[in-house]
């Protein structure tokens, strides 16, 4: 009888109304996003490689009238195109992009802007 009870609890038994859910603990490091701009003022942050697919950009910090956009280059940095534009406050927005180089561009700030940006792909980075 003990073996039967262990098997029912281990796999769950809908007849008896037993449902076992596995709880997964995530640490802060599991949820961290790669930082692509750190205390950025007017201008472009460093270029980074994006592996392609769906992703999101999260921006935070002091905007002081600044506008943030995410740009991508399909030709190894020769030509840049706007991908996400007109971020004027803290927040997150999604995008889809092929594999490319990317950068964050900050413009229009009045002098005390300090913006952090993070980009995450559905592929984990």
N, C-alpha and C. Protein backbone atom coordinates (compact mmCIF):
# COMPACT_ATOMS: atom_id res chain seq x y z
N UNK A 1 0.82 -1.20 0.00
CA UNK A 1 0.00 0.00 0.00
C UNK A 1 0.86 1.26 0.00
N UNK A 2 1.98 1.24 0.72
CA UNK A 2 2.86 2.39 0.78
C UNK A 2 3.44 2.71 -0.60
N UNK A 3 3.82 1.71 -1.36
CA UNK A 3 4.36 1.91 -2.70
C UNK A 3 3.32 2.55 -3.61
N UNK A 4 2.07 2.14 -3.54
CA UNK A 4 0.99 2.72 -4.34
C UNK A 4 0.80 4.19 -3.99
N UNK A 5 0.84 4.55 -2.73
CA UNK A 5 0.69 5.94 -2.30
C UNK A 5 1.83 6.80 -2.85
N UNK A 6 3.04 6.31 -2.78
CA UNK A 6 4.19 7.06 -3.27
C UNK A 6 4.07 7.29 -4.77
N UNK A 7 3.66 6.30 -5.52
CA UNK A 7 3.51 6.45 -6.97
C UNK A 7 2.41 7.46 -7.29
N UNK A 8 1.29 7.42 -6.59
CA UNK A 8 0.20 8.36 -6.84
C UNK A 8 0.63 9.79 -6.54
N UNK A 9 1.35 10.01 -5.47
CA UNK A 9 1.80 11.35 -5.13
C UNK A 9 2.86 11.82 -6.12
N UNK A 10 3.73 10.94 -6.53
CA UNK A 10 4.81 11.31 -7.42
C UNK A 10 4.29 11.73 -8.80
N UNK A 11 3.34 11.03 -9.37
CA UNK A 11 2.84 11.35 -10.70
C UNK A 11 1.56 12.17 -10.65
N UNK A 12 0.92 12.26 -9.52
CA UNK A 12 -0.35 12.95 -9.42
C UNK A 12 -1.47 11.99 -9.78
N UNK A 13 -2.62 12.18 -9.20
CA UNK A 13 -3.74 11.30 -9.48
C UNK A 13 -5.01 12.13 -9.59
N UNK A 14 -5.49 12.36 -10.83
CA UNK A 14 -6.69 13.18 -10.98
C UNK A 14 -7.92 12.55 -10.35
N UNK A 15 -7.96 11.22 -10.24
CA UNK A 15 -9.13 10.56 -9.64
C UNK A 15 -9.27 10.96 -8.17
N UNK A 16 -8.14 11.06 -7.49
CA UNK A 16 -8.16 11.43 -6.07
C UNK A 16 -8.03 12.93 -5.88
N UNK A 17 -7.92 13.68 -6.96
CA UNK A 17 -7.79 15.12 -6.85
C UNK A 17 -6.41 15.57 -6.42
N UNK A 18 -5.42 14.73 -6.61
CA UNK A 18 -4.05 15.08 -6.23
C UNK A 18 -3.34 15.69 -7.43
N UNK A 19 -2.83 16.85 -7.27
CA UNK A 19 -2.05 17.49 -8.31
C UNK A 19 -0.82 18.09 -7.67
N UNK A 20 0.32 17.63 -8.08
CA UNK A 20 1.58 18.11 -7.53
C UNK A 20 2.17 19.11 -8.52
N UNK A 21 2.43 20.32 -8.07
CA UNK A 21 3.07 21.32 -8.90
C UNK A 21 4.51 21.48 -8.46
N UNK A 22 5.39 21.57 -9.41
CA UNK A 22 6.80 21.78 -9.09
C UNK A 22 7.06 23.27 -9.07
N UNK A 23 7.60 23.74 -7.98
CA UNK A 23 7.93 25.15 -7.85
C UNK A 23 9.39 25.35 -8.19
N UNK A 24 9.64 26.26 -9.11
CA UNK A 24 11.01 26.53 -9.52
C UNK A 24 11.43 27.86 -8.93
N UNK A 25 12.52 27.85 -8.21
CA UNK A 25 13.04 29.09 -7.65
C UNK A 25 14.02 29.71 -8.62
N UNK A 26 13.86 30.98 -8.89
CA UNK A 26 14.79 31.68 -9.76
C UNK A 26 15.52 32.73 -8.94
N UNK A 27 16.81 32.77 -9.11
CA UNK A 27 17.59 33.79 -8.44
C UNK A 27 17.61 35.04 -9.31
N UNK A 28 18.06 36.12 -8.75
CA UNK A 28 18.17 37.36 -9.51
C UNK A 28 19.06 37.17 -10.73
N UNK A 29 20.11 36.39 -10.60
CA UNK A 29 21.01 36.18 -11.74
C UNK A 29 20.32 35.44 -12.87
N UNK A 30 19.32 34.60 -12.57
CA UNK A 30 18.57 33.91 -13.62
C UNK A 30 17.73 34.87 -14.42
N UNK A 31 17.34 35.98 -13.83
CA UNK A 31 16.44 36.91 -14.47
C UNK A 31 17.13 38.16 -14.98
N UNK A 32 18.43 38.23 -14.86
CA UNK A 32 19.11 39.45 -15.26
C UNK A 32 19.14 39.59 -16.77
N UNK A 33 19.06 40.83 -17.22
CA UNK A 33 19.11 41.15 -18.64
C UNK A 33 20.46 41.77 -18.94
N UNK A 34 21.02 41.49 -20.10
CA UNK A 34 22.27 42.14 -20.47
C UNK A 34 22.11 43.66 -20.57
N UNK A 35 22.98 44.39 -19.90
CA UNK A 35 22.92 45.85 -19.93
C UNK A 35 23.68 46.33 -21.16
N UNK A 36 23.01 47.15 -21.98
CA UNK A 36 23.62 47.62 -23.22
C UNK A 36 23.91 49.12 -23.21
N UNK A 37 23.42 49.82 -22.20
CA UNK A 37 23.74 51.24 -22.01
C UNK A 37 23.79 51.50 -20.51
N UNK A 38 24.83 52.18 -20.06
CA UNK A 38 25.05 52.42 -18.63
C UNK A 38 25.27 53.91 -18.42
N UNK A 39 24.33 54.56 -17.74
CA UNK A 39 24.40 56.01 -17.48
C UNK A 39 24.63 56.80 -18.77
N UNK A 40 23.94 56.39 -19.82
CA UNK A 40 24.13 57.00 -21.13
C UNK A 40 23.55 58.41 -21.18
N UNK A 41 24.32 59.34 -21.74
CA UNK A 41 23.80 60.68 -22.00
C UNK A 41 23.58 60.78 -23.51
N UNK A 42 23.45 61.97 -24.06
CA UNK A 42 23.22 62.12 -25.50
C UNK A 42 24.33 61.41 -26.29
N UNK A 43 23.93 60.65 -27.29
CA UNK A 43 24.88 59.92 -28.13
C UNK A 43 24.57 58.44 -28.17
N UNK A 44 25.43 57.69 -28.83
CA UNK A 44 25.23 56.25 -28.98
C UNK A 44 26.02 55.48 -27.93
N UNK A 45 25.36 54.45 -27.42
CA UNK A 45 26.06 53.52 -26.53
C UNK A 45 26.83 52.53 -27.41
N UNK A 46 27.63 51.69 -26.80
CA UNK A 46 28.43 50.72 -27.55
C UNK A 46 27.59 49.75 -28.35
N UNK A 47 28.17 49.26 -29.40
CA UNK A 47 27.52 48.30 -30.29
C UNK A 47 27.56 46.92 -29.65
N UNK A 48 26.47 46.16 -29.82
CA UNK A 48 26.42 44.79 -29.33
C UNK A 48 25.79 43.90 -30.39
N UNK A 49 26.02 42.61 -30.29
CA UNK A 49 25.50 41.64 -31.25
C UNK A 49 24.17 41.10 -30.73
N UNK A 50 23.16 41.09 -31.59
CA UNK A 50 21.86 40.53 -31.25
C UNK A 50 21.66 39.29 -32.11
N UNK A 51 21.31 38.20 -31.48
CA UNK A 51 21.20 36.91 -32.18
C UNK A 51 19.96 36.72 -33.02
N UNK A 52 19.04 37.66 -32.99
CA UNK A 52 17.83 37.56 -33.80
C UNK A 52 16.64 37.02 -33.02
N UNK A 53 15.44 37.25 -33.56
CA UNK A 53 14.22 36.77 -32.95
C UNK A 53 13.49 37.87 -32.20
N UNK A 54 12.49 37.46 -31.44
CA UNK A 54 11.71 38.40 -30.63
C UNK A 54 12.52 38.81 -29.42
N UNK A 55 12.38 40.05 -29.04
CA UNK A 55 13.10 40.54 -27.88
C UNK A 55 12.39 41.71 -27.25
N UNK A 56 13.03 42.30 -26.25
CA UNK A 56 12.46 43.46 -25.57
C UNK A 56 13.59 44.36 -25.11
N UNK A 57 13.30 45.64 -25.06
CA UNK A 57 14.23 46.61 -24.50
C UNK A 57 13.55 47.24 -23.29
N UNK A 58 14.31 47.33 -22.21
CA UNK A 58 13.85 47.96 -20.98
C UNK A 58 14.76 49.15 -20.72
N UNK A 59 14.17 50.33 -20.54
CA UNK A 59 14.96 51.53 -20.26
C UNK A 59 14.54 52.11 -18.91
N UNK A 60 15.51 52.65 -18.22
CA UNK A 60 15.27 53.24 -16.91
C UNK A 60 16.29 54.35 -16.68
N UNK A 61 16.00 55.21 -15.73
CA UNK A 61 16.95 56.27 -15.38
C UNK A 61 16.31 57.64 -15.44
N UNK A 62 17.16 58.67 -15.54
CA UNK A 62 16.72 60.05 -15.63
C UNK A 62 16.72 60.46 -17.09
N UNK A 63 15.57 60.87 -17.61
CA UNK A 63 15.45 61.18 -19.03
C UNK A 63 15.71 62.65 -19.33
N UNK A 64 15.30 63.57 -18.49
CA UNK A 64 15.52 65.00 -18.69
C UNK A 64 15.23 65.41 -20.14
N UNK A 65 14.06 65.06 -20.63
CA UNK A 65 13.57 65.35 -21.99
C UNK A 65 14.24 64.51 -23.09
N UNK A 66 15.08 63.57 -22.74
CA UNK A 66 15.76 62.74 -23.75
C UNK A 66 14.81 61.73 -24.37
N UNK A 67 15.14 61.32 -25.57
CA UNK A 67 14.44 60.27 -26.29
C UNK A 67 15.43 59.15 -26.57
N UNK A 68 14.98 57.92 -26.37
CA UNK A 68 15.83 56.76 -26.58
C UNK A 68 15.28 55.97 -27.77
N UNK A 69 16.20 55.49 -28.60
CA UNK A 69 15.80 54.57 -29.66
C UNK A 69 16.81 53.44 -29.74
N UNK A 70 16.33 52.31 -30.22
CA UNK A 70 17.18 51.15 -30.44
C UNK A 70 17.38 51.04 -31.95
N UNK A 71 18.64 50.97 -32.36
CA UNK A 71 18.96 50.91 -33.78
C UNK A 71 19.61 49.56 -34.10
N UNK A 72 19.45 49.11 -35.35
CA UNK A 72 20.11 47.88 -35.77
C UNK A 72 20.81 48.08 -37.11
N UNK A 73 21.83 47.28 -37.34
CA UNK A 73 22.59 47.33 -38.57
C UNK A 73 22.70 45.93 -39.15
N UNK A 74 22.08 45.70 -40.30
CA UNK A 74 22.17 44.38 -40.91
C UNK A 74 23.46 44.17 -41.70
N UNK A 75 24.27 45.24 -41.86
CA UNK A 75 25.47 45.15 -42.70
C UNK A 75 26.75 45.43 -41.90
N UNK A 76 26.78 44.90 -40.68
CA UNK A 76 27.99 44.96 -39.85
C UNK A 76 28.40 46.36 -39.42
N UNK A 77 27.42 47.26 -39.28
CA UNK A 77 27.69 48.58 -38.73
C UNK A 77 27.88 49.70 -39.73
N UNK A 78 27.70 49.43 -41.02
CA UNK A 78 27.84 50.47 -42.03
C UNK A 78 26.61 51.36 -42.07
N UNK A 79 25.43 50.74 -42.07
CA UNK A 79 24.16 51.46 -42.14
C UNK A 79 23.34 51.13 -40.90
N UNK A 80 22.70 52.15 -40.32
CA UNK A 80 21.89 51.95 -39.11
C UNK A 80 20.44 52.32 -39.38
N UNK A 81 19.51 51.49 -38.87
CA UNK A 81 18.08 51.71 -39.01
C UNK A 81 17.44 51.76 -37.63
N UNK A 82 16.41 52.61 -37.49
CA UNK A 82 15.66 52.66 -36.24
C UNK A 82 14.79 51.41 -36.12
N UNK A 83 14.84 50.79 -34.96
CA UNK A 83 14.01 49.61 -34.68
C UNK A 83 12.93 49.95 -33.67
N UNK A 84 13.31 50.54 -32.56
CA UNK A 84 12.38 51.00 -31.52
C UNK A 84 12.68 52.48 -31.31
N UNK A 85 11.66 53.32 -31.43
CA UNK A 85 11.89 54.77 -31.34
C UNK A 85 10.99 55.41 -30.29
N UNK A 86 11.37 56.63 -29.91
CA UNK A 86 10.56 57.51 -29.07
C UNK A 86 10.26 56.96 -27.68
N UNK A 87 11.23 56.34 -27.06
CA UNK A 87 11.08 55.95 -25.65
C UNK A 87 11.46 57.18 -24.83
N UNK A 88 10.49 57.75 -24.14
CA UNK A 88 10.72 59.00 -23.42
C UNK A 88 10.54 58.86 -21.91
N UNK A 89 10.32 57.65 -21.45
CA UNK A 89 10.19 57.40 -20.02
C UNK A 89 10.54 55.94 -19.74
N UNK A 90 10.70 55.64 -18.46
CA UNK A 90 11.02 54.27 -18.08
C UNK A 90 9.95 53.33 -18.59
N UNK A 91 10.37 52.17 -19.08
CA UNK A 91 9.40 51.20 -19.55
C UNK A 91 10.06 50.11 -20.37
N UNK A 92 9.20 49.26 -20.91
CA UNK A 92 9.65 48.12 -21.69
C UNK A 92 8.80 48.02 -22.94
N UNK A 93 9.42 47.63 -24.04
CA UNK A 93 8.68 47.43 -25.29
C UNK A 93 9.34 46.30 -26.06
N UNK A 94 8.54 45.61 -26.84
CA UNK A 94 9.02 44.46 -27.59
C UNK A 94 9.38 44.80 -29.02
N UNK A 95 10.12 43.91 -29.65
CA UNK A 95 10.51 44.06 -31.04
C UNK A 95 10.87 42.69 -31.62
N UNK A 96 10.97 42.63 -32.92
CA UNK A 96 11.48 41.45 -33.63
C UNK A 96 12.53 41.93 -34.60
N UNK A 97 13.64 41.23 -34.65
CA UNK A 97 14.75 41.68 -35.49
C UNK A 97 15.59 40.48 -35.92
N UNK A 98 16.12 40.51 -37.15
CA UNK A 98 17.04 39.45 -37.56
C UNK A 98 18.37 39.59 -36.83
N UNK A 99 19.24 38.60 -36.93
CA UNK A 99 20.57 38.74 -36.33
C UNK A 99 21.27 39.98 -36.90
N UNK A 100 21.83 40.78 -36.01
CA UNK A 100 22.44 42.04 -36.45
C UNK A 100 23.25 42.66 -35.32
N UNK A 101 23.91 43.75 -35.65
CA UNK A 101 24.51 44.59 -34.62
C UNK A 101 23.44 45.57 -34.17
N UNK A 102 23.48 45.96 -32.90
CA UNK A 102 22.53 46.91 -32.34
C UNK A 102 23.27 47.94 -31.51
N UNK A 103 22.58 49.06 -31.28
CA UNK A 103 23.07 50.08 -30.35
C UNK A 103 21.89 50.90 -29.86
N UNK A 104 22.08 51.54 -28.72
CA UNK A 104 21.09 52.45 -28.14
C UNK A 104 21.54 53.86 -28.46
N UNK A 105 20.59 54.69 -28.90
CA UNK A 105 20.90 56.09 -29.21
C UNK A 105 20.03 56.98 -28.34
N UNK A 106 20.65 57.91 -27.64
CA UNK A 106 19.95 58.87 -26.78
C UNK A 106 20.13 60.25 -27.40
N UNK A 107 19.02 60.99 -27.52
CA UNK A 107 19.11 62.34 -28.08
C UNK A 107 18.11 63.27 -27.39
N UNK A 108 18.35 64.56 -27.49
CA UNK A 108 17.42 65.57 -27.00
C UNK A 108 17.44 65.82 -25.51
N UNK A 109 18.36 65.20 -24.79
CA UNK A 109 18.44 65.43 -23.36
C UNK A 109 18.95 66.84 -23.05
N UNK A 110 18.53 67.37 -21.91
CA UNK A 110 18.89 68.74 -21.55
C UNK A 110 20.14 68.85 -20.69
N UNK A 111 20.84 67.73 -20.49
CA UNK A 111 22.12 67.81 -19.79
C UNK A 111 22.25 66.94 -18.56
N UNK A 112 21.15 66.53 -17.95
CA UNK A 112 21.27 65.68 -16.77
C UNK A 112 20.69 64.28 -17.02
N UNK A 113 20.54 63.92 -18.29
CA UNK A 113 20.04 62.58 -18.60
C UNK A 113 21.08 61.52 -18.22
N UNK A 114 20.59 60.40 -17.75
CA UNK A 114 21.43 59.28 -17.36
C UNK A 114 20.58 58.03 -17.50
N UNK A 115 20.72 57.35 -18.62
CA UNK A 115 19.80 56.28 -18.98
C UNK A 115 20.51 54.94 -19.03
N UNK A 116 19.89 53.94 -18.43
CA UNK A 116 20.35 52.56 -18.51
C UNK A 116 19.39 51.82 -19.43
N UNK A 117 19.92 50.94 -20.27
CA UNK A 117 19.08 50.15 -21.17
C UNK A 117 19.52 48.70 -21.12
N UNK A 118 18.55 47.82 -21.22
CA UNK A 118 18.78 46.39 -21.16
C UNK A 118 18.01 45.75 -22.32
N UNK A 119 18.63 44.79 -23.00
CA UNK A 119 17.96 44.09 -24.10
C UNK A 119 18.01 42.61 -23.82
N UNK A 120 16.88 41.96 -24.01
CA UNK A 120 16.78 40.52 -23.81
C UNK A 120 16.10 39.89 -25.02
N UNK A 121 16.59 38.76 -25.45
CA UNK A 121 16.04 38.03 -26.57
C UNK A 121 15.22 36.85 -26.04
N UNK A 122 14.28 36.37 -26.86
CA UNK A 122 13.55 35.18 -26.45
C UNK A 122 14.47 33.96 -26.44
N UNK A 123 15.68 34.14 -26.91
CA UNK A 123 16.68 33.08 -26.90
C UNK A 123 17.57 33.18 -25.67
N UNK A 124 17.27 34.13 -24.77
CA UNK A 124 17.96 34.20 -23.49
C UNK A 124 19.07 35.20 -23.37
N UNK A 125 19.27 36.06 -24.28
CA UNK A 125 20.34 37.02 -24.11
C UNK A 125 20.47 37.98 -25.23
